């Protein structure tokens, strides 16, 4: 059995991060007896085959035969190495790590990644607040209610709304000192000969990393 500082850190993280909460952020789960079930994200699942055991703090899909603990789940979901999963979960748990930067990144690269994550989180919040509060988002709110999507789900999955104005986000970004180049890097602006123009999706939804930071956004008109 492994012992030492690395083992202690892993155990601290496992005690701090509940696997039901972790999996439930990206996979809707339903309690059945002492376990939870959901649709497996790694195959075309129509009958919930992903089982999460809160007592053992493990998960398994009995079709894919993919399973493990919180570290395995993050490795599979984020497509990262164990070391990167360790860093992600340590940030989430607030457990300090005496490790170098992931992937040997330089200080400049790490700062750039941090800036992009911050910009993505800021943009996600703009879309989310717009859906919750803006008058022009009322058709989107009616649509979501008609689809049976609850307020709890809107908050949990950070659903958002983008008004039909190409520079809506750009104007807010300038006020927040976020450059068009940064928005372009995170996929929220697209270049054109006359200057940057943003795609105009109707609704937006965010997907989050295990540390709570946005990792992707989808859109639908």
Foldseek 3Di string as FASTA:
>chain_A
DDDDDVVVLVVLLQVQDQLCVLVCLPFPWDDDPQWIWTADPPDDGPDTQWIAHRVVQKIARPVVRQMDHQLSVLCVVVVDDSVVSSVLSCLLRVNDDPDDDPPPDDPVVVVLVVVLLVVQQVVLVVFLVCCVDPPVNVVVVVVCVVVVNDPVNCVSFSKGAFDPDFCPVVVVCVVVVHDPVSCVVQPQWDADPVGITGDHFGMKTFRARSSGTTDHMDGHD
